[in-house]
Amino acid sequence: MNTVTLDRERFQQNDIPTRLNHLAAHLAQIQSFVTNGTGEDKIVSLMRESLYFIEWTVPHYIDTDVDRSAELVDLGRILAQWLFNWEKIWADIEKRTEVAQIAGSLSERVQEVSSLAS
């Protein structure tokens, strides 16, 4: 828990666009690992870290953009659903392909939101 606190402090020193770029990069990595069918543990770790990034960003972003903050919350719901069903998803190539496609789209969307936040 201590390392999470330290990472949180360091993460929150970044401005909102930088935080969102970190989130977009995580989503792109998730897409890549899922597409390649490798790094299952790393994928789960990236999803969990992404949930933290969302948790640590939304409270600071909601004051300036409620709609975009709601999009991030929705993204968190998607990640949480994936985590909850990860064993089933990983075992099904079609579901994995769908997750990879969605993660790629979400990464692009978060990058768009990041540029709007600049």
PDB file of N, CA and C in Angstrom:
ATOM      1  N   MET A   1       0.824  -1.197   0.000  1.00  0.00           N
ATOM      2  CA  MET A   1       0.000   0.000   0.000  1.00  0.00           C
ATOM      3  C   MET A   1       0.859   1.249   0.000  1.00  0.00           C
ATOM      4  N   ASN A   2       2.004   1.199   0.630  1.00  0.00           N
ATOM      5  CA  ASN A   2       2.885   2.346   0.685  1.00  0.00           C
ATOM      6  C   ASN A   2       3.370   2.763  -0.698  1.00  0.00           C
ATOM      7  N   THR A   3       3.736   1.769  -1.548  1.00  0.00           N
ATOM      8  CA  THR A   3       4.202   2.107  -2.888  1.00  0.00           C
ATOM      9  C   THR A   3       3.080   2.710  -3.715  1.00  0.00           C
ATOM     10  N   VAL A   4       1.843   2.247  -3.504  1.00  0.00           N
ATOM     11  CA  VAL A   4       0.710   2.822  -4.216  1.00  0.00           C
ATOM     12  C   VAL A   4       0.550   4.283  -3.815  1.00  0.00           C
ATOM     13  N   THR A   5       0.700   4.578  -2.534  1.00  0.00           N
ATOM     14  CA  THR A   5       0.596   5.952  -2.056  1.00  0.00           C
ATOM     15  C   THR A   5       1.673   6.816  -2.689  1.00  0.00           C
ATOM     16  N   LEU A   6       2.915   6.312  -2.734  1.00  0.00           N
ATOM     17  CA  LEU A   6       4.003   7.071  -3.336  1.00  0.00           C
ATOM     18  C   LEU A   6       3.756   7.280  -4.823  1.00  0.00           C
ATOM     19  N   ASP A   7       3.333   6.258  -5.526  1.00  0.00           N
ATOM     20  CA  ASP A   7       3.027   6.386  -6.944  1.00  0.00           C
ATOM     21  C   ASP A   7       1.881   7.369  -7.157  1.00  0.00           C
ATOM     22  N   ARG A   8       0.929   7.352  -6.261  1.00  0.00           N
ATOM     23  CA  ARG A   8      -0.200   8.267  -6.358  1.00  0.00           C
ATOM     24  C   ARG A   8       0.279   9.709  -6.255  1.00  0.00           C
ATOM     25  N   GLU A   9       1.124   9.961  -5.293  1.00  0.00           N
ATOM     26  CA  GLU A   9       1.639  11.320  -5.122  1.00  0.00           C
ATOM     27  C   GLU A   9       2.398  11.781  -6.357  1.00  0.00           C
ATOM     28  N   ARG A  10       3.239  10.919  -6.882  1.00  0.00           N
ATOM     29  CA  ARG A  10       4.020  11.266  -8.075  1.00  0.00           C
ATOM     30  C   ARG A  10       3.091  11.457  -9.283  1.00  0.00           C
ATOM     31  N   PHE A  11       2.126  10.557  -9.436  1.00  0.00           N
ATOM     32  CA  PHE A  11       1.183  10.638 -10.550  1.00  0.00           C
ATOM     33  C   PHE A  11       0.389  11.940 -10.491  1.00  0.00           C
ATOM     34  N   GLN A  12      -0.067  12.318  -9.308  1.00  0.00           N
ATOM     35  CA  GLN A  12      -0.911  13.492  -9.167  1.00  0.00           C
ATOM     36  C   GLN A  12      -0.131  14.803  -9.297  1.00  0.00           C
ATOM     37  N   GLN A  13       1.178  14.736  -9.345  1.00  0.00           N
ATOM     38  CA  GLN A  13       1.972  15.937  -9.611  1.00  0.00           C
ATOM     39  C   GLN A  13       1.891  16.333 -11.081  1.00  0.00           C
ATOM     40  N   ASN A  14       1.504  15.380 -11.928  1.00  0.00           N
ATOM     41  CA  ASN A  14       1.357  15.652 -13.363  1.00  0.00           C
ATOM     42  C   ASN A  14       0.073  16.430 -13.625  1.00  0.00           C
ATOM     43  N   ASP A  15       0.064  17.179 -14.725  1.00  0.00           N
ATOM     44  CA  ASP A  15      -1.164  17.850 -15.124  1.00  0.00           C
ATOM     45  C   ASP A  15      -2.130  16.814 -15.727  1.00  0.00           C
ATOM     46  N   ILE A  16      -3.358  17.228 -15.937  1.00  0.00           N
ATOM     47  CA  ILE A  16      -4.398  16.312 -16.428  1.00  0.00           C
ATOM     48  C   ILE A  16      -4.033  15.700 -17.781  1.00  0.00           C
ATOM     49  N   PRO A  17      -3.573  16.478 -18.766  1.00  0.00           N
ATOM     50  CA  PRO A  17      -3.215  15.854 -20.048  1.00  0.00           C
ATOM     51  C   PRO A  17      -2.138  14.775 -19.912  1.00  0.00           C
ATOM     52  N   THR A  18      -1.163  14.998 -19.056  1.00  0.00           N
ATOM     53  CA  THR A  18      -0.112  13.993 -18.850  1.00  0.00           C
ATOM     54  C   THR A  18      -0.692  12.746 -18.206  1.00  0.00           C
ATOM     55  N   ARG A  19      -1.573  12.917 -17.239  1.00  0.00           N
ATOM     56  CA  ARG A  19      -2.220  11.763 -16.599  1.00  0.00           C
ATOM     57  C   ARG A  19      -3.007  10.963 -17.633  1.00  0.00           C
ATOM     58  N   LEU A  20      -3.741  11.682 -18.477  1.00  0.00           N
ATOM     59  CA  LEU A  20      -4.542  11.005 -19.493  1.00  0.00           C
ATOM     60  C   LEU A  20      -3.657  10.298 -20.517  1.00  0.00           C
ATOM     61  N   ASN A  21      -2.527  10.889 -20.834  1.00  0.00           N
ATOM     62  CA  ASN A  21      -1.596  10.230 -21.753  1.00  0.00           C
ATOM     63  C   ASN A  21      -1.044   8.939 -21.161  1.00  0.00           C
ATOM     64  N   HIS A  22      -0.798   8.928 -19.850  1.00  0.00           N
ATOM     65  CA  HIS A  22      -0.373   7.689 -19.188  1.00  0.00           C
ATOM     66  C   HIS A  22      -1.462   6.624 -19.305  1.00  0.00           C
ATOM     67  N   LEU A  23      -2.695   7.029 -19.095  1.00  0.00           N
ATOM     68  CA  LEU A  23      -3.821   6.106 -19.205  1.00  0.00           C
ATOM     69  C   LEU A  23      -3.948   5.582 -20.631  1.00  0.00           C
ATOM     70  N   ALA A  24      -3.836   6.463 -21.612  1.00  0.00           N
ATOM     71  CA  ALA A  24      -3.924   6.053 -23.017  1.00  0.00           C
ATOM     72  C   ALA A  24      -2.808   5.062 -23.356  1.00  0.00           C
ATOM     73  N   ALA A  25      -1.611   5.314 -22.826  1.00  0.00           N
ATOM     74  CA  ALA A  25      -0.484   4.401 -23.079  1.00  0.00           C
ATOM     75  C   ALA A  25      -0.756   3.026 -22.485  1.00  0.00           C
ATOM     76  N   HIS A  26      -1.341   2.993 -21.295  1.00  0.00           N
ATOM     77  CA  HIS A  26      -1.687   1.708 -20.678  1.00  0.00           C
ATOM     78  C   HIS A  26      -2.695   0.948 -21.541  1.00  0.00           C
ATOM     79  N   LEU A  27      -3.692   1.660 -22.037  1.00  0.00           N
ATOM     80  CA  LEU A  27      -4.699   1.013 -22.877  1.00  0.00           C
ATOM     81  C   LEU A  27      -4.085   0.482 -24.168  1.00  0.00           C
ATOM     82  N   ALA A  28      -3.156   1.225 -24.742  1.00  0.00           N
ATOM     83  CA  ALA A  28      -2.466   0.757 -25.949  1.00  0.00           C
ATOM     84  C   ALA A  28      -1.629  -0.483 -25.646  1.00  0.00           C
ATOM     85  N   GLN A  29      -1.000  -0.515 -24.470  1.00  0.00           N
ATOM     86  CA  GLN A  29      -0.228  -1.700 -24.079  1.00  0.00           C
ATOM     87  C   GLN A  29      -1.143  -2.893 -23.864  1.00  0.00           C
ATOM     88  N   ILE A  30      -2.289  -2.652 -23.260  1.00  0.00           N
ATOM     89  CA  ILE A  30      -3.262  -3.735 -23.074  1.00  0.00           C
ATOM     90  C   ILE A  30      -3.655  -4.290 -24.437  1.00  0.00           C
ATOM     91  N   GLN A  31      -3.960  -3.400 -25.379  1.00  0.00           N
ATOM     92  CA  GLN A  31      -4.317  -3.840 -26.725  1.00  0.00           C
ATOM     93  C   GLN A  31      -3.208  -4.700 -27.323  1.00  0.00           C
ATOM     94  N   SER A  32      -1.985  -4.251 -27.212  1.00  0.00           N
ATOM     95  CA  SER A  32      -0.851  -4.970 -27.798  1.00  0.00           C
ATOM     96  C   SER A  32      -0.668  -6.348 -27.172  1.00  0.00           C
ATOM     97  N   PHE A  33      -0.670  -6.404 -25.846  1.00  0.00           N
ATOM     98  CA  PHE A  33      -0.482  -7.695 -25.169  1.00  0.00           C
ATOM     99  C   PHE A  33      -1.623  -8.657 -25.470  1.00  0.00           C
ATOM    100  N   VAL A  34      -2.855  -8.162 -25.482  1.00  0.00           N
ATOM    101  CA  VAL A  34      -4.001  -9.028 -25.765  1.00  0.00           C
ATOM    102  C   VAL A  34      -3.931  -9.521 -27.208  1.00  0.00           C
ATOM    103  N   THR A  35      -3.588  -8.633 -28.124  1.00  0.00           N
ATOM    104  CA  THR A  35      -3.476  -9.014 -29.532  1.00  0.00           C
ATOM    105  C   THR A  35      -2.437 -10.103 -29.730  1.00  0.00           C
ATOM    106  N   ASN A  36      -1.318  -9.971 -29.026  1.00  0.00           N
ATOM    107  CA  ASN A  36      -0.236 -10.949 -29.153  1.00  0.00           C
ATOM    108  C   ASN A  36      -0.482 -12.205 -28.328  1.00  0.00           C
ATOM    109  N   GLY A  37      -1.476 -12.168 -27.441  1.00  0.00           N
ATOM    110  CA  GLY A  37      -1.775 -13.332 -26.605  1.00  0.00           C
ATOM    111  C   GLY A  37      -0.700 -13.622 -25.578  1.00  0.00           C
ATOM    112  N   THR A  38       0.022 -12.595 -25.182  1.00  0.00           N
ATOM    113  CA  THR A  38       1.100 -12.769 -24.206  1.00  0.00           C
ATOM    114  C   THR A  38       0.920 -11.809 -23.041  1.00  0.00           C
ATOM    115  N   GLY A  39       1.595 -12.117 -21.954  1.00  0.00           N
ATOM    116  CA  GLY A  39       1.637 -11.206 -20.819  1.00  0.00           C
ATOM    117  C   GLY A  39       0.345 -11.090 -20.043  1.00  0.00           C
ATOM    118  N   GLU A  40      -0.319 -12.207 -19.824  1.00  0.00           N
ATOM    119  CA  GLU A  40      -1.607 -12.153 -19.126  1.00  0.00           C
ATOM    120  C   GLU A  40      -1.490 -11.437 -17.779  1.00  0.00           C
ATOM    121  N   ASP A  41      -0.459 -11.756 -17.011  1.00  0.00           N
ATOM    122  CA  ASP A  41      -0.278 -11.091 -15.716  1.00  0.00           C
ATOM    123  C   ASP A  41      -0.035  -9.600 -15.889  1.00  0.00           C
ATOM    124  N   LYS A  42       0.715  -9.240 -16.919  1.00  0.00           N
ATOM    125  CA  LYS A  42       0.994  -7.830 -17.187  1.00  0.00           C
ATOM    126  C   LYS A  42      -0.280  -7.103 -17.597  1.00  0.00           C
ATOM    127  N   ILE A  43      -1.129  -7.762 -18.366  1.00  0.00           N
ATOM    128  CA  ILE A  43      -2.397  -7.157 -18.778  1.00  0.00           C
ATOM    129  C   ILE A  43      -3.248  -6.835 -17.556  1.00  0.00           C
ATOM    130  N   VAL A  44      -3.363  -7.790 -16.664  1.00  0.00           N
ATOM    131  CA  VAL A  44      -4.154  -7.592 -15.445  1.00  0.00           C
ATOM    132  C   VAL A  44      -3.567  -6.441 -14.632  1.00  0.00           C
ATOM    133  N   SER A  45      -2.256  -6.399 -14.523  1.00  0.00           N
ATOM    134  CA  SER A  45      -1.588  -5.329 -13.795  1.00  0.00           C
ATOM    135  C   SER A  45      -1.864  -3.964 -14.444  1.00  0.00           C
ATOM    136  N   LEU A  46      -1.793  -3.912 -15.762  1.00  0.00           N
ATOM    137  CA  LEU A  46      -2.065  -2.661 -16.475  1.00  0.00           C
ATOM    138  C   LEU A  46      -3.510  -2.208 -16.275  1.00  0.00           C
ATOM    139  N   MET A  47      -4.449  -3.152 -16.272  1.00  0.00           N
ATOM    140  CA  MET A  47      -5.848  -2.797 -16.046  1.00  0.00           C
ATOM    141  C   MET A  47      -6.037  -2.236 -14.643  1.00  0.00           C
ATOM    142  N   ARG A  48      -5.415  -2.863 -13.661  1.00  0.00           N
ATOM    143  CA  ARG A  48      -5.535  -2.370 -12.275  1.00  0.00           C
ATOM    144  C   ARG A  48      -4.917  -0.986 -12.136  1.00  0.00           C
ATOM    145  N   GLU A  49      -3.726  -0.807 -12.698  1.00  0.00           N
ATOM    146  CA  GLU A  49      -3.087   0.508 -12.638  1.00  0.00           C
ATOM    147  C   GLU A  49      -3.943   1.556 -13.348  1.00  0.00           C
ATOM    148  N   SER A  50      -4.551   1.184 -14.448  1.00  0.00           N
ATOM    149  CA  SER A  50      -5.417   2.116 -15.176  1.00  0.00           C
ATOM    150  C   SER A  50      -6.598   2.547 -14.316  1.00  0.00           C
ATOM    151  N   LEU A  51      -7.138   1.612 -13.556  1.00  0.00           N
ATOM    152  CA  LEU A  51      -8.228   1.971 -12.639  1.00  0.00           C
ATOM    153  C   LEU A  51      -7.755   2.983 -11.603  1.00  0.00           C
ATOM    154  N   TYR A  52      -6.542   2.807 -11.098  1.00  0.00           N
ATOM    155  CA  TYR A  52      -5.980   3.795 -10.173  1.00  0.00           C
ATOM    156  C   TYR A  52      -5.816   5.144 -10.872  1.00  0.00           C
ATOM    157  N   PHE A  53      -5.304   5.139 -12.099  1.00  0.00           N
ATOM    158  CA  PHE A  53      -5.115   6.391 -12.832  1.00  0.00           C
ATOM    159  C   PHE A  53      -6.441   7.143 -12.957  1.00  0.00           C
ATOM    160  N   ILE A  54      -7.495   6.404 -13.250  1.00  0.00           N
ATOM    161  CA  ILE A  54      -8.821   7.020 -13.364  1.00  0.00           C
ATOM    162  C   ILE A  54      -9.253   7.576 -12.013  1.00  0.00           C
ATOM    163  N   GLU A  55      -9.101   6.774 -10.971  1.00  0.00           N
ATOM    164  CA  GLU A  55      -9.482   7.198  -9.619  1.00  0.00           C
ATOM    165  C   GLU A  55      -8.730   8.457  -9.205  1.00  0.00           C
ATOM    166  N   TRP A  56      -7.476   8.551  -9.585  1.00  0.00           N
ATOM    167  CA  TRP A  56      -6.637   9.677  -9.183  1.00  0.00           C
ATOM    168  C   TRP A  56      -6.795  10.896 -10.087  1.00  0.00           C
ATOM    169  N   THR A  57      -7.471  10.742 -11.210  1.00  0.00           N
ATOM    170  CA  THR A  57      -7.632  11.846 -12.152  1.00  0.00           C
ATOM    171  C   THR A  57      -9.006  12.483 -12.067  1.00  0.00           C
ATOM    172  N   VAL A  58     -10.039  11.685 -12.003  1.00  0.00           N
ATOM    173  CA  VAL A  58     -11.408  12.206 -12.079  1.00  0.00           C
ATOM    174  C   VAL A  58     -11.698  13.292 -11.037  1.00  0.00           C
ATOM    175  N   PRO A  59     -11.331  13.125  -9.773  1.00  0.00           N
ATOM    176  CA  PRO A  59     -11.672  14.185  -8.810  1.00  0.00           C
ATOM    177  C   PRO A  59     -11.055  15.549  -9.148  1.00  0.00           C
ATOM    178  N   HIS A  60      -9.923  15.558  -9.818  1.00  0.00           N
ATOM    179  CA  HIS A  60      -9.275  16.823 -10.179  1.00  0.00           C
ATOM    180  C   HIS A  60      -9.761  17.363 -11.516  1.00  0.00           C
ATOM    181  N   TYR A  61     -10.359  16.522 -12.299  1.00  0.00           N
ATOM    182  CA  TYR A  61     -10.798  16.889 -13.643  1.00  0.00           C
ATOM    183  C   TYR A  61     -12.273  17.262 -13.680  1.00  0.00           C
ATOM    184  N   ILE A  62     -13.025  16.749 -12.734  1.00  0.00           N
ATOM    185  CA  ILE A  62     -14.482  16.936 -12.751  1.00  0.00           C
ATOM    186  C   ILE A  62     -14.869  18.407 -12.616  1.00  0.00           C
ATOM    187  N   ASP A  63     -14.033  19.187 -11.937  1.00  0.00           N
ATOM    188  CA  ASP A  63     -14.336  20.617 -11.781  1.00  0.00           C
ATOM    189  C   ASP A  63     -14.292  21.360 -13.111  1.00  0.00           C
ATOM    190  N   THR A  64     -13.490  20.883 -14.045  1.00  0.00           N
ATOM    191  CA  THR A  64     -13.338  21.585 -15.313  1.00  0.00           C
ATOM    192  C   THR A  64     -14.125  20.936 -16.455  1.00  0.00           C
ATOM    193  N   ASP A  65     -14.399  19.632 -16.351  1.00  0.00           N
ATOM    194  CA  ASP A  65     -15.097  18.965 -17.454  1.00  0.00           C
ATOM    195  C   ASP A  65     -15.856  17.733 -16.947  1.00  0.00           C
ATOM    196  N   VAL A  66     -17.099  17.946 -16.607  1.00  0.00           N
ATOM    197  CA  VAL A  66     -17.931  16.874 -16.052  1.00  0.00           C
ATOM    198  C   VAL A  66     -18.160  15.759 -17.074  1.00  0.00           C
ATOM    199  N   ASP A  67     -18.416  16.133 -18.329  1.00  0.00           N
ATOM    200  CA  ASP A  67     -18.712  15.129 -19.356  1.00  0.00           C
ATOM    201  C   ASP A  67     -17.520  14.205 -19.590  1.00  0.00           C
ATOM    202  N   ARG A  68     -16.338  14.774 -19.694  1.00  0.00           N
ATOM    203  CA  ARG A  68     -15.138  13.953 -19.922  1.00  0.00           C
ATOM    204  C   ARG A  68     -14.823  13.106 -18.675  1.00  0.00           C
ATOM    205  N   SER A  69     -15.096  13.660 -17.520  1.00  0.00           N
ATOM    206  CA  SER A  69     -14.905  12.883 -16.289  1.00  0.00           C
ATOM    207  C   SER A  69     -15.836  11.680 -16.264  1.00  0.00           C
ATOM    208  N   ALA A  70     -17.070  11.874 -16.729  1.00  0.00           N
ATOM    209  CA  ALA A  70     -18.031  10.766 -16.798  1.00  0.00           C
ATOM    210  C   ALA A  70     -17.541   9.700 -17.779  1.00  0.00           C
ATOM    211  N   GLU A  71     -16.913  10.127 -18.876  1.00  0.00           N
ATOM    212  CA  GLU A  71     -16.341   9.158 -19.821  1.00  0.00           C
ATOM    213  C   GLU A  71     -15.267   8.311 -19.140  1.00  0.00           C
ATOM    214  N   LEU A  72     -14.452   8.953 -18.327  1.00  0.00           N
ATOM    215  CA  LEU A  72     -13.405   8.211 -17.614  1.00  0.00           C
ATOM    216  C   LEU A  72     -14.008   7.219 -16.626  1.00  0.00           C
ATOM    217  N   VAL A  73     -15.068   7.624 -15.954  1.00  0.00           N
ATOM    218  CA  VAL A  73     -15.751   6.709 -15.024  1.00  0.00           C
ATOM    219  C   VAL A  73     -16.305   5.511 -15.791  1.00  0.00           C
ATOM    220  N   ASP A  74     -16.886   5.771 -16.961  1.00  0.00           N
ATOM    221  CA  ASP A  74     -17.389   4.670 -17.799  1.00  0.00           C
ATOM    222  C   ASP A  74     -16.249   3.746 -18.223  1.00  0.00           C
ATOM    223  N   LEU A  75     -15.113   4.323 -18.563  1.00  0.00           N
ATOM    224  CA  LEU A  75     -13.936   3.523 -18.900  1.00  0.00           C
ATOM    225  C   LEU A  75     -13.537   2.641 -17.717  1.00  0.00           C
ATOM    226  N   GLY A  76     -13.599   3.204 -16.520  1.00  0.00           N
ATOM    227  CA  GLY A  76     -13.294   2.418 -15.321  1.00  0.00           C
ATOM    228  C   GLY A  76     -14.238   1.238 -15.158  1.00  0.00           C
ATOM    229  N   ARG A  77     -15.483   1.450 -15.490  1.00  0.00           N
ATOM    230  CA  ARG A  77     -16.465   0.351 -15.414  1.00  0.00           C
ATOM    231  C   ARG A  77     -16.112  -0.759 -16.395  1.00  0.00           C
ATOM    232  N   ILE A  78     -15.696  -0.375 -17.594  1.00  0.00           N
ATOM    233  CA  ILE A  78     -15.312  -1.369 -18.591  1.00  0.00           C
ATOM    234  C   ILE A  78     -14.116  -2.176 -18.095  1.00  0.00           C
ATOM    235  N   LEU A  79     -13.107  -1.480 -17.584  1.00  0.00           N
ATOM    236  CA  LEU A  79     -11.919  -2.176 -17.061  1.00  0.00           C
ATOM    237  C   LEU A  79     -12.282  -3.107 -15.907  1.00  0.00           C
ATOM    238  N   ALA A  80     -13.143  -2.648 -15.021  1.00  0.00           N
ATOM    239  CA  ALA A  80     -13.553  -3.485 -13.889  1.00  0.00           C
ATOM    240  C   ALA A  80     -14.293  -4.732 -14.366  1.00  0.00           C
ATOM    241  N   GLN A  81     -15.130  -4.571 -15.388  1.00  0.00           N
ATOM    242  CA  GLN A  81     -15.835  -5.735 -15.949  1.00  0.00           C
ATOM    243  C   GLN A  81     -14.853  -6.717 -16.567  1.00  0.00           C
ATOM    244  N   TRP A  82     -13.872  -6.195 -17.274  1.00  0.00           N
ATOM    245  CA  TRP A  82     -12.854  -7.073 -17.855  1.00  0.00           C
ATOM    246  C   TRP A  82     -12.111  -7.831 -16.771  1.00  0.00           C
ATOM    247  N   LEU A  83     -11.724  -7.124 -15.727  1.00  0.00           N
ATOM    248  CA  LEU A  83     -10.997  -7.784 -14.633  1.00  0.00           C
ATOM    249  C   LEU A  83     -11.844  -8.874 -13.994  1.00  0.00           C
ATOM    250  N   PHE A  84     -13.106  -8.572 -13.763  1.00  0.00           N
ATOM    251  CA  PHE A  84     -14.005  -9.525 -13.122  1.00  0.00           C
ATOM    252  C   PHE A  84     -14.177 -10.788 -13.957  1.00  0.00           C
ATOM    253  N   ASN A  85     -14.163 -10.632 -15.284  1.00  0.00           N
ATOM    254  CA  ASN A  85     -14.402 -11.757 -16.196  1.00  0.00           C
ATOM    255  C   ASN A  85     -13.140 -12.208 -16.920  1.00  0.00           C
ATOM    256  N   TRP A  86     -11.968 -11.833 -16.395  1.00  0.00           N
ATOM    257  CA  TRP A  86     -10.751 -12.022 -17.155  1.00  0.00           C
ATOM    258  C   TRP A  86     -10.457 -13.477 -17.520  1.00  0.00           C
ATOM    259  N   GLU A  87     -10.688 -14.414 -16.645  1.00  0.00           N
ATOM    260  CA  GLU A  87     -10.413 -15.822 -16.966  1.00  0.00           C
ATOM    261  C   GLU A  87     -11.231 -16.280 -18.170  1.00  0.00           C
ATOM    262  N   LYS A  88     -12.489 -15.898 -18.220  1.00  0.00           N
ATOM    263  CA  LYS A  88     -13.350 -16.260 -19.355  1.00  0.00           C
ATOM    264  C   LYS A  88     -12.894 -15.555 -20.627  1.00  0.00           C
ATOM    265  N   ILE A  89     -12.541 -14.288 -20.497  1.00  0.00           N
ATOM    266  CA  ILE A  89     -12.091 -13.528 -21.667  1.00  0.00           C
ATOM    267  C   ILE A  89     -10.817 -14.141 -22.225  1.00  0.00           C
ATOM    268  N   TRP A  90      -9.858 -14.423 -21.352  1.00  0.00           N
ATOM    269  CA  TRP A  90      -8.563 -14.937 -21.797  1.00  0.00           C
ATOM    270  C   TRP A  90      -8.704 -16.297 -22.489  1.00  0.00           C
ATOM    271  N   ALA A  91      -9.679 -17.080 -22.063  1.00  0.00           N
ATOM    272  CA  ALA A  91      -9.869 -18.416 -22.628  1.00  0.00           C
ATOM    273  C   ALA A  91     -10.591 -18.401 -23.981  1.00  0.00           C
ATOM    274  N   ASP A  92     -11.143 -17.261 -24.369  1.00  0.00           N
ATOM    275  CA  ASP A  92     -11.956 -17.170 -25.585  1.00  0.00           C
ATOM    276  C   ASP A  92     -11.311 -16.183 -26.560  1.00  0.00           C
ATOM    277  N   ILE A  93     -10.778 -16.682 -27.661  1.00  0.00           N
ATOM    278  CA  ILE A  93     -10.057 -15.846 -28.621  1.00  0.00           C
ATOM    279  C   ILE A  93     -10.931 -14.722 -29.177  1.00  0.00           C
ATOM    280  N   GLU A  94     -12.213 -14.979 -29.389  1.00  0.00           N
ATOM    281  CA  GLU A  94     -13.111 -13.935 -29.903  1.00  0.00           C
ATOM    282  C   GLU A  94     -13.287 -12.811 -28.889  1.00  0.00           C
ATOM    283  N   LYS A  95     -13.441 -13.176 -27.630  1.00  0.00           N
ATOM    284  CA  LYS A  95     -13.586 -12.156 -26.583  1.00  0.00           C
ATOM    285  C   LYS A  95     -12.289 -11.364 -26.421  1.00  0.00           C
ATOM    286  N   ARG A  96     -11.158 -12.063 -26.524  1.00  0.00           N
ATOM    287  CA  ARG A  96      -9.867 -11.365 -26.434  1.00  0.00           C
ATOM    288  C   ARG A  96      -9.712 -10.383 -27.593  1.00  0.00           C
ATOM    289  N   THR A  97     -10.094 -10.797 -28.774  1.00  0.00           N
ATOM    290  CA  THR A  97     -10.012  -9.916 -29.940  1.00  0.00           C
ATOM    291  C   THR A  97     -10.881  -8.681 -29.729  1.00  0.00           C
ATOM    292  N   GLU A  98     -12.065  -8.894 -29.184  1.00  0.00           N
ATOM    293  CA  GLU A  98     -12.973  -7.775 -28.897  1.00  0.00           C
ATOM    294  C   GLU A  98     -12.351  -6.824 -27.870  1.00  0.00           C
ATOM    295  N   VAL A  99     -11.749  -7.377 -26.820  1.00  0.00           N
ATOM    296  CA  VAL A  99     -11.101  -6.549 -25.801  1.00  0.00           C
ATOM    297  C   VAL A  99      -9.969  -5.742 -26.422  1.00  0.00           C
ATOM    298  N   ALA A 100      -9.182  -6.365 -27.277  1.00  0.00           N
ATOM    299  CA  ALA A 100      -8.070  -5.658 -27.925  1.00  0.00           C
ATOM    300  C   ALA A 100      -8.597  -4.491 -28.766  1.00  0.00           C
ATOM    301  N   GLN A 101      -9.652  -4.724 -29.515  1.00  0.00           N
ATOM    302  CA  GLN A 101     -10.222  -3.670 -30.347  1.00  0.00           C
ATOM    303  C   GLN A 101     -10.767  -2.527 -29.493  1.00  0.00           C
ATOM    304  N   ILE A 102     -11.467  -2.878 -28.441  1.00  0.00           N
ATOM    305  CA  ILE A 102     -12.043  -1.856 -27.562  1.00  0.00           C
ATOM    306  C   ILE A 102     -10.926  -1.077 -26.865  1.00  0.00           C
ATOM    307  N   ALA A 103      -9.908  -1.777 -26.385  1.00  0.00           N
ATOM    308  CA  ALA A 103      -8.794  -1.097 -25.711  1.00  0.00           C
ATOM    309  C   ALA A 103      -8.119  -0.112 -26.655  1.00  0.00           C
ATOM    310  N   GLY A 104      -7.949  -0.495 -27.921  1.00  0.00           N
ATOM    311  CA  GLY A 104      -7.359   0.411 -28.903  1.00  0.00           C
ATOM    312  C   GLY A 104      -8.219   1.644 -29.130  1.00  0.00           C
ATOM    313  N   SER A 105      -9.507   1.434 -29.256  1.00  0.00           N
ATOM    314  CA  SER A 105     -10.437   2.560 -29.442  1.00  0.00           C
ATOM    315  C   SER A 105     -10.450   3.479 -28.225  1.00  0.00           C
ATOM    316  N   LEU A 106     -10.439   2.864 -27.053  1.00  0.00           N
ATOM    317  CA  LEU A 106     -10.437   3.660 -25.826  1.00  0.00           C
ATOM    318  C   LEU A 106      -9.138   4.448 -25.676  1.00  0.00           C
ATOM    319  N   SER A 107      -8.035   3.843 -26.068  1.00  0.00           N
ATOM    320  CA  SER A 107      -6.753   4.550 -26.020  1.00  0.00           C
ATOM    321  C   SER A 107      -6.806   5.795 -26.902  1.00  0.00           C
ATOM    322  N   GLU A 108      -7.338   5.634 -28.107  1.00  0.00           N
ATOM    323  CA  GLU A 108      -7.470   6.774 -29.015  1.00  0.00           C
ATOM    324  C   GLU A 108      -8.377   7.848 -28.434  1.00  0.00           C
ATOM    325  N   ARG A 109      -9.472   7.417 -27.825  1.00  0.00           N
ATOM    326  CA  ARG A 109     -10.418   8.380 -27.244  1.00  0.00           C
ATOM    327  C   ARG A 109      -9.770   9.135 -26.078  1.00  0.00           C
ATOM    328  N   VAL A 110      -9.042   8.436 -25.233  1.00  0.00           N
ATOM    329  CA  VAL A 110      -8.393   9.098 -24.105  1.00  0.00           C
ATOM    330  C   VAL A 110      -7.346  10.095 -24.611  1.00  0.00           C
ATOM    331  N   GLN A 111      -6.667   9.767 -25.700  1.00  0.00           N
ATOM    332  CA  GLN A 111      -5.724  10.719 -26.296  1.00  0.00           C
ATOM    333  C   GLN A 111      -6.456  11.969 -26.795  1.00  0.00           C
ATOM    334  N   GLU A 112      -7.626  11.779 -27.391  1.00  0.00           N
ATOM    335  CA  GLU A 112      -8.435  12.927 -27.835  1.00  0.00           C
ATOM    336  C   GLU A 112      -8.827  13.790 -26.643  1.00  0.00           C
ATOM    337  N   VAL A 113      -9.282  13.148 -25.579  1.00  0.00           N
ATOM    338  CA  VAL A 113      -9.687  13.868 -24.380  1.00  0.00           C
ATOM    339  C   VAL A 113      -8.492  14.621 -23.807  1.00  0.00           C
ATOM    340  N   SER A 114      -7.325  13.991 -23.839  1.00  0.00           N
ATOM    341  CA  SER A 114      -6.108  14.618 -23.347  1.00  0.00           C
ATOM    342  C   SER A 114      -5.807  15.903 -24.120  1.00  0.00           C
ATOM    343  N   SER A 115      -5.958  15.854 -25.438  1.00  0.00           N
ATOM    344  CA  SER A 115      -5.686  17.056 -26.226  1.00  0.00           C
ATOM    345  C   SER A 115      -6.709  18.150 -25.949  1.00  0.00           C
ATOM    346  N   LEU A 116      -7.937  17.765 -25.635  1.00  0.00           N
ATOM    347  CA  LEU A 116      -8.967  18.746 -25.280  1.00  0.00           C
ATOM    348  C   LEU A 116      -8.697  19.388 -23.918  1.00  0.00           C
ATOM    349  N   ALA A 117      -8.045  18.608 -23.044  1.00  0.00           N
ATOM    350  CA  ALA A 117      -7.757  19.088 -21.695  1.00  0.00           C
ATOM    351  C   ALA A 117      -6.568  20.036 -21.670  1.00  0.00           C
ATOM    352  N   SER A 118      -5.826  20.070 -22.752  1.00  0.00           N
ATOM    353  CA  SER A 118      -4.625  20.931 -22.803  1.00  0.00           C
ATOM    354  C   SER A 118      -4.987  22.391 -22.826  1.00  0.00           C
TER     355      SER A 118
END
